[in-house]
Amino acid sequence: MGKGKRPPWLVTDDLRVRIEPLLPVRSRRVRKPGRLPLDDRKCLQGIFFVLHTGIQWEWLPQELGFGSGMTCWRRLRDWNEAGV
């Protein structure tokens, strides 16, 4: 990538500030809360990566830090059902 170019799937601080109020707040169960959910920003970047590259959800490389493709797909589904 050339100097000053950033990958198109990275969510900038400015974009995060604009999108965050639109995303539903995720509540955790009090009893048996389970593991912490993946950060919305990372999921959003994973979603953008899949949409930009056209790869299948299950092929999303976890080494990129976006979580699994299924995690990103579920978050996209949940946001869609919430009207985001």
C-alpha atoms as a PDB file:
ATOM      1  CA  MET A   1       0.000   0.000   0.000  1.00  0.00           C
ATOM      2  CA  GLY A   2       1.215   3.466  -0.778  1.00  0.00           C
ATOM      3  CA  LYS A   3       2.095   6.037   1.814  1.00  0.00           C
ATOM      4  CA  GLY A   4      -0.973   7.474   3.512  1.00  0.00           C
ATOM      5  CA  LYS A   5      -3.248   4.732   2.190  1.00  0.00           C
ATOM      6  CA  ARG A   6      -5.177   2.674   4.700  1.00  0.00           C
ATOM      7  CA  PRO A   7      -7.062  -0.530   4.054  1.00  0.00           C
ATOM      8  CA  PRO A   8     -10.706   0.248   3.203  1.00  0.00           C
ATOM      9  CA  TRP A   9     -12.019  -2.071   5.927  1.00  0.00           C
ATOM     10  CA  LEU A  10     -10.387  -0.189   8.813  1.00  0.00           C
ATOM     11  CA  VAL A  11     -12.818   1.846  10.890  1.00  0.00           C
ATOM     12  CA  THR A  12     -11.356   5.251  11.695  1.00  0.00           C
ATOM     13  CA  ASP A  13     -12.010   6.992  14.995  1.00  0.00           C
ATOM     14  CA  ASP A  14     -14.237   9.511  13.201  1.00  0.00           C
ATOM     15  CA  LEU A  15     -16.348   6.783  11.604  1.00  0.00           C
ATOM     16  CA  ARG A  16     -16.588   4.885  14.896  1.00  0.00           C
ATOM     17  CA  VAL A  17     -17.894   7.997  16.679  1.00  0.00           C
ATOM     18  CA  ARG A  18     -20.534   8.452  13.969  1.00  0.00           C
ATOM     19  CA  ILE A  19     -21.647   4.798  13.902  1.00  0.00           C
ATOM     20  CA  GLU A  20     -21.533   3.935  17.612  1.00  0.00           C
ATOM     21  CA  PRO A  21     -24.802   5.721  18.568  1.00  0.00           C
ATOM     22  CA  LEU A  22     -26.633   3.685  15.903  1.00  0.00           C
ATOM     23  CA  LEU A  23     -25.587   0.300  17.302  1.00  0.00           C
ATOM     24  CA  PRO A  24     -27.763  -1.386  19.930  1.00  0.00           C
ATOM     25  CA  VAL A  25     -26.333  -1.699  23.434  1.00  0.00           C
ATOM     26  CA  ARG A  26     -25.500  -5.297  24.271  1.00  0.00           C
ATOM     27  CA  SER A  27     -26.452  -6.289  27.791  1.00  0.00           C
ATOM     28  CA  ARG A  28     -24.698  -9.115  29.631  1.00  0.00           C
ATOM     29  CA  ARG A  29     -26.424 -11.699  31.745  1.00  0.00           C
ATOM     30  CA  VAL A  30     -25.858 -11.341  35.479  1.00  0.00           C
ATOM     31  CA  ARG A  31     -25.721 -15.076  36.097  1.00  0.00           C
ATOM     32  CA  LYS A  32     -23.255 -16.960  33.926  1.00  0.00           C
ATOM     33  CA  PRO A  33     -22.271 -13.951  31.816  1.00  0.00           C
ATOM     34  CA  GLY A  34     -19.900 -16.004  29.634  1.00  0.00           C
ATOM     35  CA  ARG A  35     -16.963 -14.518  27.796  1.00  0.00           C
ATOM     36  CA  LEU A  36     -16.810 -10.863  26.885  1.00  0.00           C
ATOM     37  CA  PRO A  37     -18.272 -10.121  23.447  1.00  0.00           C
ATOM     38  CA  LEU A  38     -15.936  -8.983  20.696  1.00  0.00           C
ATOM     39  CA  ASP A  39     -15.673  -5.224  20.348  1.00  0.00           C
ATOM     40  CA  ASP A  40     -18.218  -3.766  17.870  1.00  0.00           C
ATOM     41  CA  ARG A  41     -15.444  -1.914  16.032  1.00  0.00           C
ATOM     42  CA  LYS A  42     -13.534  -5.140  15.384  1.00  0.00           C
ATOM     43  CA  CYS A  43     -16.689  -6.893  14.199  1.00  0.00           C
ATOM     44  CA  LEU A  44     -17.493  -3.999  11.899  1.00  0.00           C
ATOM     45  CA  GLN A  45     -13.993  -4.154  10.426  1.00  0.00           C
ATOM     46  CA  GLY A  46     -14.424  -7.895   9.882  1.00  0.00           C
ATOM     47  CA  ILE A  47     -17.736  -7.261   8.112  1.00  0.00           C
ATOM     48  CA  PHE A  48     -16.129  -4.609   5.911  1.00  0.00           C
ATOM     49  CA  PHE A  49     -13.228  -6.977   5.145  1.00  0.00           C
ATOM     50  CA  VAL A  50     -15.591  -9.735   3.985  1.00  0.00           C
ATOM     51  CA  LEU A  51     -17.663  -7.312   1.912  1.00  0.00           C
ATOM     52  CA  HIS A  52     -14.565  -5.710   0.366  1.00  0.00           C
ATOM     53  CA  THR A  53     -12.707  -8.920  -0.471  1.00  0.00           C
ATOM     54  CA  GLY A  54     -15.704 -11.107  -1.274  1.00  0.00           C
ATOM     55  CA  ILE A  55     -14.375 -14.032   0.759  1.00  0.00           C
ATOM     56  CA  GLN A  56     -16.755 -16.382   2.518  1.00  0.00           C
ATOM     57  CA  TRP A  57     -17.535 -15.650   6.155  1.00  0.00           C
ATOM     58  CA  GLU A  58     -15.878 -18.845   7.388  1.00  0.00           C
ATOM     59  CA  TRP A  59     -12.623 -17.883   5.632  1.00  0.00           C
ATOM     60  CA  LEU A  60     -12.193 -14.631   7.554  1.00  0.00           C
ATOM     61  CA  PRO A  61      -8.623 -14.887   8.926  1.00  0.00           C
ATOM     62  CA  GLN A  62      -8.708 -14.715  12.721  1.00  0.00           C
ATOM     63  CA  GLU A  63      -5.109 -13.464  12.631  1.00  0.00           C
ATOM     64  CA  LEU A  64      -6.464 -10.079  11.552  1.00  0.00           C
ATOM     65  CA  GLY A  65      -8.149  -9.672  14.948  1.00  0.00           C
ATOM     66  CA  PHE A  66     -11.716  -9.404  13.662  1.00  0.00           C
ATOM     67  CA  GLY A  67     -12.891 -12.548  15.414  1.00  0.00           C
ATOM     68  CA  SER A  68     -14.361 -15.476  13.557  1.00  0.00           C
ATOM     69  CA  GLY A  69     -16.399 -15.034  10.413  1.00  0.00           C
ATOM     70  CA  MET A  70     -19.411 -16.513  12.210  1.00  0.00           C
ATOM     71  CA  THR A  71     -19.095 -13.929  15.002  1.00  0.00           C
ATOM     72  CA  CYS A  72     -19.048 -11.099  12.455  1.00  0.00           C
ATOM     73  CA  TRP A  73     -21.927 -12.634  10.501  1.00  0.00           C
ATOM     74  CA  ARG A  74     -24.049 -12.997  13.655  1.00  0.00           C
ATOM     75  CA  ARG A  75     -23.341  -9.404  14.679  1.00  0.00           C
ATOM     76  CA  LEU A  76     -24.352  -8.201  11.210  1.00  0.00           C
ATOM     77  CA  ARG A  77     -27.540 -10.301  11.452  1.00  0.00           C
ATOM     78  CA  ASP A  78     -28.345  -8.909  14.915  1.00  0.00           C
ATOM     79  CA  TRP A  79     -27.751  -5.318  13.801  1.00  0.00           C
ATOM     80  CA  ASN A  80     -29.908  -5.884  10.733  1.00  0.00           C
ATOM     81  CA  GLU A  81     -32.735  -7.315  12.858  1.00  0.00           C
ATOM     82  CA  ALA A  82     -32.411  -4.298  15.191  1.00  0.00           C
ATOM     83  CA  GLY A  83     -32.912  -1.980  12.223  1.00  0.00           C
ATOM     84  CA  VAL A  84     -29.360  -0.684  11.995  1.00  0.00           C
END
